[in-house]
C-alpha atoms as a PDB file:
ATOM      1  CA  MET A   1       0.000   0.000   0.000  1.00  0.00           C
ATOM      2  CA  GLN A   2       1.360   3.388  -1.010  1.00  0.00           C
ATOM      3  CA  ARG A   3       1.895   5.918   1.751  1.00  0.00           C
ATOM      4  CA  PRO A   4       0.797   9.522   1.014  1.00  0.00           C
ATOM      5  CA  VAL A   5       3.568  11.660  -0.449  1.00  0.00           C
ATOM      6  CA  THR A   6       2.531  14.413   1.967  1.00  0.00           C
ATOM      7  CA  GLU A   7       4.111  12.337   4.771  1.00  0.00           C
ATOM      8  CA  LEU A   8       7.482  12.094   3.035  1.00  0.00           C
ATOM      9  CA  PRO A   9       9.003  15.478   4.035  1.00  0.00           C
ATOM     10  CA  ALA A  10       8.704  14.535   7.713  1.00  0.00           C
ATOM     11  CA  VAL A  11      10.308  11.146   7.017  1.00  0.00           C
ATOM     12  CA  LEU A  12      13.176  12.789   5.115  1.00  0.00           C
ATOM     13  CA  GLY A  13      13.592  15.597   7.602  1.00  0.00           C
ATOM     14  CA  VAL A  14      13.376  18.126   4.760  1.00  0.00           C
ATOM     15  CA  SER A  15      10.748  20.851   4.349  1.00  0.00           C
ATOM     16  CA  PHE A  16       9.625  21.395   0.755  1.00  0.00           C
ATOM     17  CA  ASN A  17       8.351  24.589  -0.811  1.00  0.00           C
ATOM     18  CA  ASP A  18       7.229  22.776  -3.979  1.00  0.00           C
ATOM     19  CA  MET A  19       5.642  19.402  -3.235  1.00  0.00           C
ATOM     20  CA  SER A  20       5.215  18.691  -6.956  1.00  0.00           C
ATOM     21  CA  LEU A  21       8.967  18.053  -7.100  1.00  0.00           C
ATOM     22  CA  LEU A  22       8.662  15.315  -4.509  1.00  0.00           C
ATOM     23  CA  ARG A  23       5.597  13.816  -6.157  1.00  0.00           C
ATOM     24  CA  GLY A  24       7.421  13.707  -9.480  1.00  0.00           C
ATOM     25  CA  ALA A  25      10.419  12.095  -7.813  1.00  0.00           C
ATOM     26  CA  VAL A  26       8.397   9.101  -6.601  1.00  0.00           C
ATOM     27  CA  MET A  27       6.093   8.645  -9.609  1.00  0.00           C
ATOM     28  CA  HIS A  28       7.033   5.461 -11.460  1.00  0.00           C
ATOM     29  CA  THR A  29       7.381   5.642 -15.236  1.00  0.00           C
ATOM     30  CA  SER A  30       4.657   3.023 -15.762  1.00  0.00           C
ATOM     31  CA  TYR A  31       2.222   5.189 -13.811  1.00  0.00           C
ATOM     32  CA  ARG A  32       3.081   8.200 -15.951  1.00  0.00           C
ATOM     33  CA  TYR A  33       2.193   6.206 -19.084  1.00  0.00           C
ATOM     34  CA  GLU A  34      -1.186   5.134 -17.699  1.00  0.00           C
ATOM     35  CA  HIS A  35      -2.124   8.399 -15.964  1.00  0.00           C
ATOM     36  CA  ALA A  36      -0.888  11.132 -18.277  1.00  0.00           C
ATOM     37  CA  ASP A  37      -3.319  13.728 -16.907  1.00  0.00           C
ATOM     38  CA  ASP A  38      -2.047  13.275 -13.367  1.00  0.00           C
ATOM     39  CA  ALA A  39       1.594  13.076 -14.444  1.00  0.00           C
ATOM     40  CA  HIS A  40       1.313  16.236 -16.538  1.00  0.00           C
ATOM     41  CA  HIS A  41       1.380  18.390 -13.400  1.00  0.00           C
ATOM     42  CA  VAL A  42       4.645  17.074 -11.937  1.00  0.00           C
ATOM     43  CA  PRO A  43       8.259  16.984 -13.193  1.00  0.00           C
ATOM     44  CA  ASP A  44       9.343  14.011 -15.291  1.00  0.00           C
ATOM     45  CA  THR A  45      10.741  11.309 -13.010  1.00  0.00           C
ATOM     46  CA  GLN A  46      13.520  10.178 -15.343  1.00  0.00           C
ATOM     47  CA  ARG A  47      14.697  13.753 -15.871  1.00  0.00           C
ATOM     48  CA  MET A  48      14.934  14.025 -12.095  1.00  0.00           C
ATOM     49  CA  GLU A  49      16.880  10.753 -11.907  1.00  0.00           C
ATOM     50  CA  PHE A  50      19.293  12.173 -14.489  1.00  0.00           C
ATOM     51  CA  LEU A  51      19.805  15.326 -12.444  1.00  0.00           C
ATOM     52  CA  GLY A  52      19.964  13.404  -9.170  1.00  0.00           C
ATOM     53  CA  ASP A  53      22.686  11.154 -10.555  1.00  0.00           C
ATOM     54  CA  SER A  54      24.879  14.212 -11.195  1.00  0.00           C
ATOM     55  CA  VAL A  55      24.130  15.738  -7.779  1.00  0.00           C
ATOM     56  CA  VAL A  56      24.945  12.456  -6.024  1.00  0.00           C
ATOM     57  CA  ASN A  57      28.180  12.222  -8.021  1.00  0.00           C
ATOM     58  CA  ILE A  58      29.429  15.687  -7.107  1.00  0.00           C
ATOM     59  CA  ILE A  59      28.594  15.209  -3.421  1.00  0.00           C
ATOM     60  CA  ALA A  60      30.329  11.822  -3.345  1.00  0.00           C
ATOM     61  CA  THR A  61      33.339  13.239  -5.202  1.00  0.00           C
ATOM     62  CA  GLN A  62      33.713  16.160  -2.794  1.00  0.00           C
ATOM     63  CA  LEU A  63      33.435  13.873   0.220  1.00  0.00           C
ATOM     64  CA  VAL A  64      36.002  11.385  -1.083  1.00  0.00           C
ATOM     65  CA  TYR A  65      38.378  14.229  -1.978  1.00  0.00           C
ATOM     66  CA  ALA A  66      38.087  15.757   1.490  1.00  0.00           C
ATOM     67  CA  THR A  67      38.283  12.464   3.400  1.00  0.00           C
ATOM     68  CA  PHE A  68      41.179  10.779   1.570  1.00  0.00           C
ATOM     69  CA  ALA A  69      43.798  13.513   1.307  1.00  0.00           C
ATOM     70  CA  ASP A  70      46.533  11.182   0.032  1.00  0.00           C
ATOM     71  CA  ALA A  71      44.464   9.115  -2.423  1.00  0.00           C
ATOM     72  CA  ASP A  72      45.371   9.246  -6.104  1.00  0.00           C
ATOM     73  CA  GLU A  73      42.852   9.627  -8.933  1.00  0.00           C
ATOM     74  CA  GLY A  74      42.357   5.892  -9.418  1.00  0.00           C
ATOM     75  CA  SER A  75      41.744   5.276  -5.717  1.00  0.00           C
ATOM     76  CA  MET A  76      39.310   8.168  -5.492  1.00  0.00           C
ATOM     77  CA  THR A  77      37.423   6.862  -8.519  1.00  0.00           C
ATOM     78  CA  ARG A  78      37.032   3.432  -6.894  1.00  0.00           C
ATOM     79  CA  LEU A  79      35.942   4.958  -3.596  1.00  0.00           C
ATOM     80  CA  ARG A  80      33.371   7.153  -5.298  1.00  0.00           C
ATOM     81  CA  SER A  81      32.053   4.177  -7.261  1.00  0.00           C
ATOM     82  CA  ALA A  82      31.633   2.283  -3.995  1.00  0.00           C
ATOM     83  CA  LEU A  83      29.625   5.164  -2.521  1.00  0.00           C
ATOM     84  CA  ILE A  84      27.262   5.601  -5.454  1.00  0.00           C
ATOM     85  CA  ARG A  85      26.793   1.948  -6.402  1.00  0.00           C
ATOM     86  CA  THR A  86      23.204   0.787  -6.799  1.00  0.00           C
ATOM     87  CA  GLU A  87      23.160  -1.221  -3.575  1.00  0.00           C
ATOM     88  CA  ASN A  88      24.337   1.705  -1.470  1.00  0.00           C
ATOM     89  CA  LEU A  89      21.793   4.126  -2.916  1.00  0.00           C
ATOM     90  CA  ALA A  90      19.096   1.495  -2.430  1.00  0.00           C
ATOM     91  CA  SER A  91      20.105   1.144   1.230  1.00  0.00           C
ATOM     92  CA  ILE A  92      19.615   4.908   1.679  1.00  0.00           C
ATOM     93  CA  ALA A  93      16.170   4.557   0.097  1.00  0.00           C
ATOM     94  CA  GLN A  94      15.378   1.668   2.451  1.00  0.00           C
ATOM     95  CA  HIS A  95      16.471   3.766   5.440  1.00  0.00           C
ATOM     96  CA  TYR A  96      13.743   6.280   4.607  1.00  0.00           C
ATOM     97  CA  HIS A  97      11.224   3.637   3.408  1.00  0.00           C
ATOM     98  CA  LEU A  98      11.080   5.396   0.053  1.00  0.00           C
ATOM     99  CA  GLY A  99       9.625   2.295  -1.587  1.00  0.00           C
ATOM    100  CA  ASP A 100       6.448   2.807   0.456  1.00  0.00           C
ATOM    101  CA  PHE A 101       5.911   6.191  -1.215  1.00  0.00           C
ATOM    102  CA  VAL A 102       6.448   5.219  -4.871  1.00  0.00           C
ATOM    103  CA  ILE A 103       3.373   5.829  -7.027  1.00  0.00           C
ATOM    104  CA  LEU A 104       2.874   2.621  -9.016  1.00  0.00           C
ATOM    105  CA  THR A 105       0.432   0.983 -11.388  1.00  0.00           C
ATOM    106  CA  LYS A 106      -1.448  -2.036 -10.075  1.00  0.00           C
ATOM    107  CA  GLY A 107       0.665  -4.276 -12.304  1.00  0.00           C
ATOM    108  CA  GLU A 108       3.950  -3.023 -10.873  1.00  0.00           C
ATOM    109  CA  GLU A 109       2.526  -3.196  -7.364  1.00  0.00           C
ATOM    110  CA  PHE A 110       1.577  -6.828  -7.908  1.00  0.00           C
ATOM    111  CA  ALA A 111       5.054  -7.560  -9.315  1.00  0.00           C
ATOM    112  CA  GLY A 112       6.698  -6.344  -6.110  1.00  0.00           C
ATOM    113  CA  ALA A 113       8.354  -3.270  -7.629  1.00  0.00           C
ATOM    114  CA  ARG A 114       8.591  -1.483  -4.263  1.00  0.00           C
ATOM    115  CA  LYS A 115      11.349  -3.852  -3.143  1.00  0.00           C
ATOM    116  CA  ARG A 116      13.466  -3.823  -6.316  1.00  0.00           C
ATOM    117  CA  ILE A 117      17.025  -2.698  -5.655  1.00  0.00           C
ATOM    118  CA  SER A 118      17.250  -0.843  -8.977  1.00  0.00           C
ATOM    119  CA  LEU A 119      13.979   1.024  -8.394  1.00  0.00           C
ATOM    120  CA  LEU A 120      15.000   2.042  -4.890  1.00  0.00           C
ATOM    121  CA  ALA A 121      18.337   3.379  -6.154  1.00  0.00           C
ATOM    122  CA  ASP A 122      16.555   5.364  -8.877  1.00  0.00           C
ATOM    123  CA  VAL A 123      14.108   6.820  -6.361  1.00  0.00           C
ATOM    124  CA  CYS A 124      16.982   7.815  -4.098  1.00  0.00           C
ATOM    125  CA  GLU A 125      18.526   9.780  -6.975  1.00  0.00           C
ATOM    126  CA  SER A 126      15.264  11.465  -7.942  1.00  0.00           C
ATOM    127  CA  VAL A 127      14.524  12.446  -4.334  1.00  0.00           C
ATOM    128  CA  VAL A 128      18.016  13.960  -4.065  1.00  0.00           C
ATOM    129  CA  ALA A 129      17.207  15.929  -7.223  1.00  0.00           C
ATOM    130  CA  ALA A 130      13.975  17.155  -5.631  1.00  0.00           C
ATOM    131  CA  ILE A 131      15.885  18.315  -2.547  1.00  0.00           C
ATOM    132  CA  TYR A 132      18.486  20.025  -4.749  1.00  0.00           C
ATOM    133  CA  LEU A 133      15.889  21.824  -6.877  1.00  0.00           C
ATOM    134  CA  ASP A 134      13.853  22.934  -3.871  1.00  0.00           C
ATOM    135  CA  GLN A 135      16.563  23.628  -1.282  1.00  0.00           C
ATOM    136  CA  GLY A 136      19.906  23.802  -3.114  1.00  0.00           C
ATOM    137  CA  LEU A 137      23.128  21.803  -3.165  1.00  0.00           C
ATOM    138  CA  GLU A 138      24.040  22.487   0.470  1.00  0.00           C
ATOM    139  CA  ARG A 139      20.811  20.886   1.721  1.00  0.00           C
ATOM    140  CA  ALA A 140      21.193  17.925  -0.640  1.00  0.00           C
ATOM    141  CA  GLN A 141      24.709  17.418   0.694  1.00  0.00           C
ATOM    142  CA  ALA A 142      23.489  17.607   4.299  1.00  0.00           C
ATOM    143  CA  PHE A 143      20.943  14.919   3.440  1.00  0.00           C
ATOM    144  CA  LEU A 144      23.452  12.514   1.876  1.00  0.00           C
ATOM    145  CA  GLU A 145      26.613  13.164   3.854  1.00  0.00           C
ATOM    146  CA  PRO A 146      25.712  11.179   7.016  1.00  0.00           C
ATOM    147  CA  HIS A 147      25.065   8.076   4.906  1.00  0.00           C
ATOM    148  CA  PHE A 148      28.142   8.503   2.743  1.00  0.00           C
ATOM    149  CA  SER A 149      30.351   9.240   5.760  1.00  0.00           C
ATOM    150  CA  GLN A 150      29.207   6.007   7.374  1.00  0.00           C
ATOM    151  CA  GLN A 151      30.024   4.091   4.199  1.00  0.00           C
ATOM    152  CA  LEU A 152      33.440   5.731   3.909  1.00  0.00           C
ATOM    153  CA  ALA A 153      34.257   4.745   7.487  1.00  0.00           C
ATOM    154  CA  MET A 154      33.427   1.137   6.579  1.00  0.00           C
ATOM    155  CA  LEU A 155      35.563   1.366   3.441  1.00  0.00           C
ATOM    156  CA  GLN A 156      38.501   2.609   5.500  1.00  0.00           C
ATOM    157  CA  GLN A 157      38.211  -0.548   7.614  1.00  0.00           C
ATOM    158  CA  GLN A 158      37.166  -3.142   5.028  1.00  0.00           C
ATOM    159  CA  GLY A 159      38.419  -1.838   1.683  1.00  0.00           C
ATOM    160  CA  THR A 160      36.444  -1.216  -1.515  1.00  0.00           C
ATOM    161  CA  PRO A 161      33.703  -3.839  -2.022  1.00  0.00           C
ATOM    162  CA  THR A 162      33.536  -6.105  -5.044  1.00  0.00           C
ATOM    163  CA  ASP A 163      30.726  -5.344  -7.505  1.00  0.00           C
ATOM    164  CA  PRO A 164      27.743  -7.775  -7.308  1.00  0.00           C
ATOM    165  CA  ARG A 165      28.458  -9.586 -10.579  1.00  0.00           C
ATOM    166  CA  SER A 166      32.067 -10.282  -9.622  1.00  0.00           C
ATOM    167  CA  ALA A 167      31.041 -11.291  -6.110  1.00  0.00           C
ATOM    168  CA  LEU A 168      28.411 -13.690  -7.461  1.00  0.00           C
ATOM    169  CA  GLN A 169      30.868 -15.251  -9.902  1.00  0.00           C
ATOM    170  CA  GLU A 170      33.419 -15.779  -7.139  1.00  0.00           C
ATOM    171  CA  GLU A 171      30.804 -17.311  -4.831  1.00  0.00           C
ATOM    172  CA  SER A 172      29.368 -19.561  -7.546  1.00  0.00           C
ATOM    173  CA  GLN A 173      32.819 -20.750  -8.576  1.00  0.00           C
ATOM    174  CA  ARG A 174      33.746 -21.392  -4.960  1.00  0.00           C
ATOM    175  CA  ARG A 175      30.581 -23.320  -4.142  1.00  0.00           C
ATOM    176  CA  TYR A 176      29.750 -25.108  -7.382  1.00  0.00           C
ATOM    177  CA  ASN A 177      32.592 -24.527  -9.857  1.00  0.00           C
ATOM    178  CA  ILE A 178      29.960 -22.971 -12.155  1.00  0.00           C
ATOM    179  CA  THR A 179      30.017 -19.553 -13.851  1.00  0.00           C
ATOM    180  CA  PRO A 180      26.623 -17.796 -13.662  1.00  0.00           C
ATOM    181  CA  THR A 181      24.913 -16.841 -16.925  1.00  0.00           C
ATOM    182  CA  TYR A 182      22.496 -13.989 -17.602  1.00  0.00           C
ATOM    183  CA  ARG A 183      19.389 -13.988 -19.789  1.00  0.00           C
ATOM    184  CA  THR A 184      17.308 -10.963 -20.801  1.00  0.00           C
ATOM    185  CA  VAL A 185      13.669 -11.991 -20.451  1.00  0.00           C
ATOM    186  CA  ASP A 186      11.902  -8.685 -21.060  1.00  0.00           C
ATOM    187  CA  MET A 187      12.572  -5.313 -22.658  1.00  0.00           C
ATOM    188  CA  ARG A 188       9.915  -2.636 -22.856  1.00  0.00           C
ATOM    189  CA  GLY A 189       9.432   1.089 -23.212  1.00  0.00           C
ATOM    190  CA  PRO A 190      10.532   3.560 -25.924  1.00  0.00           C
ATOM    191  CA  ASP A 191      14.185   3.847 -26.903  1.00  0.00           C
ATOM    192  CA  HIS A 192      14.889   6.688 -24.458  1.00  0.00           C
ATOM    193  CA  GLN A 193      13.095   4.972 -21.558  1.00  0.00           C
ATOM    194  CA  ARG A 194      14.003   1.295 -21.878  1.00  0.00           C
ATOM    195  CA  HIS A 195      13.349  -1.101 -19.011  1.00  0.00           C
ATOM    196  CA  PHE A 196      15.181  -4.415 -18.999  1.00  0.00           C
ATOM    197  CA  GLU A 197      14.443  -7.522 -16.966  1.00  0.00           C
ATOM    198  CA  VAL A 198      17.253 -10.051 -16.600  1.00  0.00           C
ATOM    199  CA  GLU A 199      17.521 -13.477 -14.969  1.00  0.00           C
ATOM    200  CA  VAL A 200      20.746 -14.931 -13.582  1.00  0.00           C
ATOM    201  CA  ILE A 201      21.146 -18.685 -13.808  1.00  0.00           C
ATOM    202  CA  ILE A 202      23.433 -21.130 -12.030  1.00  0.00           C
ATOM    203  CA  GLY A 203      23.369 -24.559 -13.589  1.00  0.00           C
ATOM    204  CA  GLN A 204      19.822 -24.835 -14.876  1.00  0.00           C
ATOM    205  CA  GLN A 205      18.136 -22.774 -12.166  1.00  0.00           C
ATOM    206  CA  VAL A 206      17.139 -19.121 -12.042  1.00  0.00           C
ATOM    207  CA  ILE A 207      18.278 -17.730  -8.697  1.00  0.00           C
ATOM    208  CA  GLY A 208      17.853 -14.015  -9.254  1.00  0.00           C
ATOM    209  CA  ARG A 209      15.910 -11.531 -11.352  1.00  0.00           C
ATOM    210  CA  GLY A 210      16.756  -7.871 -11.797  1.00  0.00           C
ATOM    211  CA  MET A 211      15.395  -4.712 -13.399  1.00  0.00           C
ATOM    212  CA  GLY A 212      17.190  -1.677 -14.800  1.00  0.00           C
ATOM    213  CA  HIS A 213      17.281   1.063 -17.434  1.00  0.00           C
ATOM    214  CA  SER A 214      20.095  -0.815 -19.185  1.00  0.00           C
ATOM    215  CA  GLN A 215      21.141  -4.443 -19.485  1.00  0.00           C
ATOM    216  CA  PRO A 216      24.252  -3.925 -17.298  1.00  0.00           C
ATOM    217  CA  ALA A 217      22.134  -2.302 -14.574  1.00  0.00           C
ATOM    218  CA  ALA A 218      19.585  -5.121 -14.751  1.00  0.00           C
ATOM    219  CA  ARG A 219      22.354  -7.726 -14.549  1.00  0.00           C
ATOM    220  CA  ARG A 220      23.839  -6.038 -11.480  1.00  0.00           C
ATOM    221  CA  ASP A 221      20.409  -6.010  -9.860  1.00  0.00           C
ATOM    222  CA  ALA A 222      19.908  -9.702 -10.718  1.00  0.00           C
ATOM    223  CA  ALA A 223      23.328 -10.557  -9.276  1.00  0.00           C
ATOM    224  CA  GLN A 224      22.508  -8.721  -6.057  1.00  0.00           C
ATOM    225  CA  GLN A 225      19.240 -10.636  -5.732  1.00  0.00           C
ATOM    226  CA  ALA A 226      21.108 -13.889  -6.388  1.00  0.00           C
ATOM    227  CA  LEU A 227      23.670 -13.119  -3.672  1.00  0.00           C
ATOM    228  CA  LEU A 228      20.811 -12.472  -1.261  1.00  0.00           C
ATOM    229  CA  PHE A 229      19.246 -15.807  -2.262  1.00  0.00           C
ATOM    230  CA  LEU A 230      22.502 -17.699  -1.672  1.00  0.00           C
ATOM    231  CA  THR A 231      22.879 -16.045   1.730  1.00  0.00           C
ATOM    232  CA  GLN A 232      19.363 -17.075   2.723  1.00  0.00           C
ATOM    233  CA  GLN A 233      19.658 -20.578   1.192  1.00  0.00           C
ATOM    234  CA  PRO A 234      23.120 -21.832   2.210  1.00  0.00           C
ATOM    235  CA  ASP A 235      22.199 -25.452   1.344  1.00  0.00           C
ATOM    236  CA  PHE A 236      21.091 -24.639  -2.194  1.00  0.00           C
ATOM    237  CA  VAL A 237      22.576 -26.976  -4.822  1.00  0.00           C
ATOM    238  CA  PRO A 238      21.917 -26.177  -8.524  1.00  0.00           C
ATOM    239  CA  SER A 239      20.590 -28.886 -10.781  1.00  0.00           C
END
């Protein structure tokens, strides 16, 4: 069940002058297609994701630069990538229960879209864009910095994490001596708004399914879901 968007500012701890920005940020593309009259009055969600991606990048870059005074360009690039990876942005979205506020079609609701890692990461970016447009870069940075600082502290202790596809391949090779394969099972939307659905397979069994605006993003999402499955099912043996 979708929570009212009017409750979201209190959850975020951010006061908004223009609530249409926040409504646009959480309106799923499928809903925009089916409810054009309603969507006409709010900013385009994917445009906000585009802007939010850049805002997140600059904030992450500034924080890495300030925190790691002796790091070279390559190290800073890897650290920034770790901060802005899909799983990290999705965890920020989960912290604020952003999935509960996403405006979905009944079909996407039934398909469990609120819990998709890729969707949550996208919503995080679009909400950051809404904060930036309404309150400016300083407020957007204040919103993100506590989460990024926590992640950077973990990186200082544990090192840069492996991306989900590499982690899944290593785990699958270790457990089963099998390399996972990926299969695109659905592709929809116009050329500029593609949505891909990808399955990841070990042996003959599908153990993860992911969504994304590109095949690489969908594969990363599928790999993350597969890693979660393997964690929850330690006795799983592929056929």
